[in-house]
């Protein structure tokens, strides 16, 4: 059972890191467009980053809650 949980945590970490890397690459590649379009694109990127961060926080909180329920008899 511990291997399965470890694999799930690993996959979530890989997904979060991959999405962060994709957003960073898009930010670098689209910088000239961002300079032209302006604050709308920056706000959309910030929303996307916030969603990824919230997803990670929700996963961590869920794992903590699940582990506390497992410890109680």
N, C-alpha and C. Protein backbone atom coordinates (compact mmCIF):
# COMPACT_ATOMS: atom_id res chain seq x y z
N UNK A 1 0.83 -1.19 0.00
CA UNK A 1 0.00 0.00 0.00
C UNK A 1 0.88 1.26 0.00
N UNK A 2 2.00 1.21 0.69
CA UNK A 2 2.86 2.38 0.74
C UNK A 2 3.48 2.67 -0.62
N UNK A 3 3.77 1.62 -1.40
CA UNK A 3 4.33 1.85 -2.74
C UNK A 3 3.32 2.57 -3.62
N UNK A 4 2.05 2.18 -3.51
CA UNK A 4 1.01 2.81 -4.32
C UNK A 4 0.88 4.30 -3.98
N UNK A 5 0.90 4.62 -2.70
CA UNK A 5 0.81 6.03 -2.28
C UNK A 5 2.04 6.81 -2.75
N UNK A 6 3.20 6.16 -2.65
CA UNK A 6 4.43 6.82 -3.12
C UNK A 6 4.39 7.09 -4.60
N UNK A 7 3.86 6.14 -5.36
CA UNK A 7 3.76 6.33 -6.81
C UNK A 7 2.78 7.46 -7.12
N UNK A 8 1.66 7.51 -6.38
CA UNK A 8 0.70 8.60 -6.60
C UNK A 8 1.33 9.96 -6.29
N UNK A 9 2.04 10.05 -5.17
CA UNK A 9 2.69 11.31 -4.81
C UNK A 9 3.74 11.69 -5.85
N UNK A 10 4.48 10.71 -6.34
CA UNK A 10 5.49 10.97 -7.35
C UNK A 10 4.85 11.49 -8.64
N UNK A 11 3.76 10.85 -9.06
CA UNK A 11 3.10 11.28 -10.30
C UNK A 11 2.52 12.69 -10.17
N UNK A 12 1.95 13.00 -9.01
CA UNK A 12 1.42 14.35 -8.80
C UNK A 12 2.56 15.36 -8.86
N UNK A 13 3.68 15.03 -8.24
CA UNK A 13 4.84 15.92 -8.28
C UNK A 13 5.34 16.13 -9.70
N UNK A 14 5.40 15.06 -10.47
CA UNK A 14 5.85 15.16 -11.87
C UNK A 14 4.91 16.03 -12.67
N UNK A 15 3.60 15.86 -12.46
CA UNK A 15 2.62 16.66 -13.20
C UNK A 15 2.76 18.13 -12.85
N UNK A 16 2.90 18.44 -11.56
CA UNK A 16 3.01 19.84 -11.14
C UNK A 16 4.29 20.47 -11.69
N UNK A 17 5.40 19.75 -11.60
CA UNK A 17 6.67 20.28 -12.12
C UNK A 17 6.60 20.45 -13.63
N UNK A 18 6.00 19.50 -14.33
CA UNK A 18 5.89 19.59 -15.78
C UNK A 18 5.03 20.79 -16.20
N UNK A 19 3.90 20.97 -15.54
CA UNK A 19 3.06 22.12 -15.88
C UNK A 19 3.77 23.43 -15.56
N UNK A 20 4.50 23.48 -14.47
CA UNK A 20 5.27 24.68 -14.15
C UNK A 20 6.33 24.96 -15.20
N UNK A 21 7.01 23.92 -15.67
CA UNK A 21 8.02 24.09 -16.71
C UNK A 21 7.39 24.55 -18.02
N UNK A 22 6.25 23.98 -18.36
CA UNK A 22 5.57 24.39 -19.60
C UNK A 22 5.17 25.86 -19.52
N UNK A 23 4.61 26.27 -18.38
CA UNK A 23 4.23 27.67 -18.23
C UNK A 23 5.44 28.60 -18.28
N UNK A 24 6.56 28.18 -17.70
CA UNK A 24 7.76 28.99 -17.74
C UNK A 24 8.27 29.13 -19.16
N UNK A 25 8.29 28.02 -19.91
CA UNK A 25 8.74 28.07 -21.30
C UNK A 25 7.82 28.95 -22.13
N UNK A 26 6.51 28.82 -21.92
CA UNK A 26 5.57 29.68 -22.64
C UNK A 26 5.79 31.15 -22.30
N UNK A 27 6.07 31.43 -21.03
CA UNK A 27 6.33 32.81 -20.63
C UNK A 27 7.55 33.35 -21.36
N UNK A 28 8.61 32.55 -21.47
CA UNK A 28 9.83 32.99 -22.14
C UNK A 28 9.59 33.16 -23.64
N UNK A 29 8.91 32.18 -24.26
CA UNK A 29 8.70 32.24 -25.70
C UNK A 29 7.72 33.34 -26.11
N UNK A 30 6.74 33.59 -25.26
CA UNK A 30 5.71 34.56 -25.63
C UNK A 30 5.99 35.96 -25.08
N UNK A 31 7.21 36.19 -24.59
CA UNK A 31 7.49 37.49 -23.98
C UNK A 31 7.26 38.67 -24.93
N UNK A 32 7.67 38.59 -26.23
CA UNK A 32 7.37 39.73 -27.13
C UNK A 32 5.86 39.96 -27.26
N UNK A 33 5.08 38.89 -27.33
CA UNK A 33 3.63 39.03 -27.41
C UNK A 33 3.08 39.63 -26.12
N UNK A 34 3.65 39.20 -24.99
CA UNK A 34 3.21 39.74 -23.70
C UNK A 34 3.48 41.24 -23.64
N UNK A 35 4.62 41.66 -24.17
CA UNK A 35 4.95 43.09 -24.16
C UNK A 35 3.95 43.88 -25.00
N UNK A 36 3.46 43.26 -26.08
CA UNK A 36 2.51 43.96 -26.95
C UNK A 36 1.11 43.91 -26.36
N UNK A 37 0.67 42.74 -25.98
CA UNK A 37 -0.70 42.58 -25.49
C UNK A 37 -0.86 43.24 -24.13
N UNK A 38 0.13 43.05 -23.26
CA UNK A 38 0.12 43.76 -21.99
C UNK A 38 -0.40 42.94 -20.83
N UNK A 39 -1.11 43.61 -19.95
CA UNK A 39 -1.45 43.05 -18.65
C UNK A 39 -2.44 41.90 -18.72
N UNK A 40 -3.22 41.78 -19.80
CA UNK A 40 -4.19 40.68 -19.89
C UNK A 40 -3.49 39.33 -19.91
N UNK A 41 -2.44 39.21 -20.72
CA UNK A 41 -1.71 37.95 -20.80
C UNK A 41 -1.00 37.67 -19.47
N UNK A 42 -0.45 38.68 -18.87
CA UNK A 42 0.22 38.50 -17.58
C UNK A 42 -0.78 38.02 -16.53
N UNK A 43 -1.97 38.59 -16.51
CA UNK A 43 -2.98 38.16 -15.56
C UNK A 43 -3.40 36.71 -15.82
N UNK A 44 -3.55 36.32 -17.09
CA UNK A 44 -3.91 34.94 -17.40
C UNK A 44 -2.83 33.97 -16.95
N UNK A 45 -1.56 34.35 -17.15
CA UNK A 45 -0.47 33.49 -16.68
C UNK A 45 -0.46 33.39 -15.16
N UNK A 46 -0.71 34.49 -14.49
CA UNK A 46 -0.76 34.45 -13.02
C UNK A 46 -1.91 33.57 -12.53
N UNK A 47 -3.05 33.63 -13.22
CA UNK A 47 -4.17 32.76 -12.85
C UNK A 47 -3.80 31.29 -13.06
N UNK A 48 -3.14 30.99 -14.17
CA UNK A 48 -2.73 29.61 -14.43
C UNK A 48 -1.75 29.11 -13.37
N UNK A 49 -0.79 29.95 -13.02
CA UNK A 49 0.18 29.58 -11.98
C UNK A 49 -0.52 29.40 -10.65
N UNK A 50 -1.47 30.27 -10.34
CA UNK A 50 -2.21 30.16 -9.08
C UNK A 50 -3.01 28.86 -9.04
N UNK A 51 -3.60 28.47 -10.17
CA UNK A 51 -4.36 27.22 -10.21
C UNK A 51 -3.44 26.04 -9.96
N UNK A 52 -2.25 26.05 -10.54
CA UNK A 52 -1.29 24.96 -10.32
C UNK A 52 -0.85 24.91 -8.86
N UNK A 53 -0.58 26.07 -8.27
CA UNK A 53 -0.17 26.12 -6.87
C UNK A 53 -1.30 25.62 -5.98
N UNK A 54 -2.53 26.04 -6.25
CA UNK A 54 -3.67 25.57 -5.47
C UNK A 54 -3.87 24.06 -5.61
N UNK A 55 -3.66 23.54 -6.80
CA UNK A 55 -3.77 22.11 -7.03
C UNK A 55 -2.76 21.36 -6.15
N UNK A 56 -1.53 21.87 -6.12
CA UNK A 56 -0.51 21.25 -5.28
C UNK A 56 -0.85 21.33 -3.80
N UNK A 57 -1.34 22.48 -3.36
CA UNK A 57 -1.71 22.65 -1.95
C UNK A 57 -2.87 21.72 -1.58
N UNK A 58 -3.85 21.61 -2.47
CA UNK A 58 -4.99 20.72 -2.21
C UNK A 58 -4.51 19.28 -2.11
N UNK A 59 -3.58 18.86 -2.96
CA UNK A 59 -3.06 17.50 -2.90
C UNK A 59 -2.33 17.26 -1.58
N UNK A 60 -1.54 18.24 -1.14
CA UNK A 60 -0.80 18.09 0.12
C UNK A 60 -1.77 18.02 1.29
N UNK A 61 -2.77 18.89 1.30
CA UNK A 61 -3.75 18.88 2.39
C UNK A 61 -4.52 17.56 2.39
N UNK A 62 -4.90 17.07 1.23
CA UNK A 62 -5.61 15.80 1.15
C UNK A 62 -4.77 14.65 1.68
N UNK A 63 -3.48 14.66 1.34
CA UNK A 63 -2.61 13.59 1.84
C UNK A 63 -2.46 13.66 3.35
N UNK A 64 -2.36 14.88 3.91
CA UNK A 64 -2.24 15.04 5.36
C UNK A 64 -3.50 14.56 6.06
N UNK A 65 -4.66 14.92 5.52
CA UNK A 65 -5.93 14.51 6.13
C UNK A 65 -6.08 13.00 6.06
N UNK A 66 -5.75 12.40 4.91
CA UNK A 66 -5.85 10.95 4.79
C UNK A 66 -4.92 10.24 5.76
N UNK A 67 -3.72 10.79 5.95
CA UNK A 67 -2.78 10.14 6.86
C UNK A 67 -3.23 10.25 8.30
N UNK A 68 -3.91 11.35 8.67
CA UNK A 68 -4.38 11.48 10.05
C UNK A 68 -5.53 10.51 10.32
N UNK A 69 -6.38 10.26 9.33
CA UNK A 69 -7.47 9.31 9.53
C UNK A 69 -6.95 7.88 9.61
N UNK A 70 -5.86 7.58 8.90
CA UNK A 70 -5.30 6.24 8.95
C UNK A 70 -4.69 5.93 10.31
N UNK A 71 -4.14 6.94 10.98
CA UNK A 71 -3.47 6.72 12.26
C UNK A 71 -4.45 6.45 13.39
N UNK A 72 -5.67 7.00 13.29
CA UNK A 72 -6.62 6.81 14.39
C UNK A 72 -7.18 5.39 14.35
N UNK A 73 -7.39 4.78 15.52
CA UNK A 73 -7.86 3.38 15.56
C UNK A 73 -9.30 3.21 15.15
